[in-house]
Amino acid sequence: MNIPDNNTTGVYSNITVSGRSGNAPSNAQVAVNIVHTYIGDLIVDLVAPDGSTYNLHNRTGSGTDNINQTYTVNLSSEALNGTWRLRARDRAGSDTGYINSWSITF
């Protein structure tokens, strides 16, 4: 999924969870693989089914290429079921990239 260059809205990639009960754990693992030529341009958030936002990456790393990292996130206040979204925003011009893959492990 291509990330629009220098764009405030960004792009969303969704994972739908169903058939589970209760809330997510306090140590959920969010694995992110984004190919991009300047990760300092990027803001990456996990958006819970209720719309709560959890920042994973906020314009750090300067000119480093690619995000290939697993983040531990406390999601214990969030119901497991619903559509989980990864939002990636490119907040500067010239460099481009795409969401290669992502996953969430409860």
Protein backbone atom coordinates (compact mmCIF):
# COMPACT_ATOMS: atom_id res chain seq x y z
CA MET A 1 0.00 0.00 0.00
CA ASN A 2 1.68 3.23 -1.17
CA ILE A 3 2.07 6.06 1.34
CA PRO A 4 1.20 9.41 -0.30
CA ASP A 5 4.16 11.81 -0.24
CA ASN A 6 3.87 14.92 1.98
CA ASN A 7 0.27 14.17 3.00
CA THR A 8 -1.56 14.85 6.28
CA THR A 9 -4.21 12.15 5.82
CA GLY A 10 -1.91 9.25 5.05
CA VAL A 11 -3.01 5.75 4.29
CA TYR A 12 -4.68 3.01 6.36
CA SER A 13 -4.17 -0.74 6.29
CA ASN A 14 -6.80 -2.77 8.16
CA ILE A 15 -6.87 -6.04 10.07
CA THR A 16 -10.27 -7.27 11.29
CA VAL A 17 -10.43 -9.39 14.43
CA SER A 18 -13.58 -11.39 15.24
CA GLY A 19 -14.65 -14.28 17.43
CA ARG A 20 -12.52 -13.20 20.39
CA SER A 21 -13.72 -12.15 23.82
CA GLY A 22 -12.38 -9.65 26.28
CA ASN A 23 -9.73 -7.01 25.91
CA ALA A 24 -6.34 -6.98 24.27
CA PRO A 25 -3.30 -7.56 26.51
CA SER A 26 -1.00 -4.98 28.02
CA ASN A 27 1.87 -6.35 25.92
CA ALA A 28 0.40 -6.64 22.42
CA GLN A 29 3.02 -6.95 19.68
CA VAL A 30 2.64 -4.79 16.56
CA ALA A 31 5.10 -5.78 13.83
CA VAL A 32 5.58 -3.09 11.17
CA ASN A 33 7.41 -3.44 7.85
CA ILE A 34 7.44 -0.18 5.90
CA VAL A 35 9.74 0.40 2.93
CA HIS A 36 10.65 4.09 2.74
CA THR A 37 13.76 6.04 1.78
CA TYR A 38 13.61 8.53 4.70
CA ILE A 39 11.80 7.31 7.83
CA GLY A 40 12.18 10.72 9.45
CA ASP A 41 9.26 11.78 7.21
CA LEU A 42 6.90 9.22 8.74
CA ILE A 43 4.32 9.17 11.50
CA VAL A 44 2.95 5.67 12.12
CA ASP A 45 0.00 4.99 14.41
CA LEU A 46 -2.05 1.99 15.47
CA VAL A 47 -5.75 2.90 15.52
CA ALA A 48 -7.95 0.70 17.71
CA PRO A 49 -11.51 -0.29 16.73
CA ASP A 50 -12.91 2.47 18.99
CA GLY A 51 -10.73 5.11 17.29
CA SER A 52 -8.09 5.38 20.04
CA THR A 53 -4.67 6.11 18.57
CA TYR A 54 -1.35 4.66 19.69
CA ASN A 55 1.73 6.29 18.21
CA LEU A 56 4.42 3.83 17.11
CA HIS A 57 6.82 6.07 15.17
CA ASN A 58 6.96 9.87 15.08
CA ARG A 59 9.40 11.31 12.54
CA THR A 60 12.55 9.84 14.07
CA GLY A 61 15.45 8.19 12.28
CA SER A 62 16.25 11.03 9.86
CA GLY A 63 17.42 9.61 6.52
CA THR A 64 17.43 5.99 7.62
CA ASP A 65 15.73 3.61 5.18
CA ASN A 66 12.79 1.40 6.16
CA ILE A 67 10.96 0.57 9.37
CA ASN A 68 11.18 -3.10 10.26
CA GLN A 69 10.33 -3.20 13.94
CA THR A 70 8.04 -4.81 16.48
CA TYR A 71 6.46 -2.47 19.03
CA THR A 72 5.05 -3.54 22.40
CA VAL A 73 1.82 -1.64 23.07
CA ASN A 74 -0.47 -1.61 26.13
CA LEU A 75 -3.90 -2.24 24.62
CA SER A 76 -5.54 -3.56 27.78
CA SER A 77 -8.33 -0.95 27.61
CA GLU A 78 -9.30 -2.04 24.07
CA ALA A 79 -11.74 -4.77 23.04
CA LEU A 80 -10.09 -7.41 20.88
CA ASN A 81 -12.84 -7.59 18.25
CA GLY A 82 -13.14 -5.02 15.52
CA THR A 83 -11.07 -3.41 12.81
CA TRP A 84 -7.53 -2.49 13.81
CA ARG A 85 -5.84 0.01 11.52
CA LEU A 86 -2.25 0.95 10.85
CA ARG A 87 -2.00 4.57 9.68
CA ALA A 88 1.14 5.81 7.96
CA ARG A 89 1.61 9.50 7.13
CA ASP A 90 4.50 11.00 5.18
CA ARG A 91 4.91 14.58 6.43
CA ALA A 92 7.65 15.81 4.07
CA GLY A 93 8.33 15.84 0.34
CA SER A 94 10.72 14.02 -1.98
CA ASP A 95 11.05 10.55 -0.40
CA THR A 96 8.40 7.89 -0.87
CA GLY A 97 7.52 4.42 0.32
CA TYR A 98 4.84 1.88 1.12
CA ILE A 99 3.45 -0.37 3.84
CA ASN A 100 4.87 -3.77 2.97
CA SER A 101 3.20 -5.66 5.82
CA TRP A 102 2.09 -5.43 9.42
CA SER A 103 0.59 -7.68 12.05
CA ILE A 104 -0.78 -7.50 15.55
CA THR A 105 -0.36 -10.34 18.04
CA PHE A 106 -2.55 -10.55 21.13
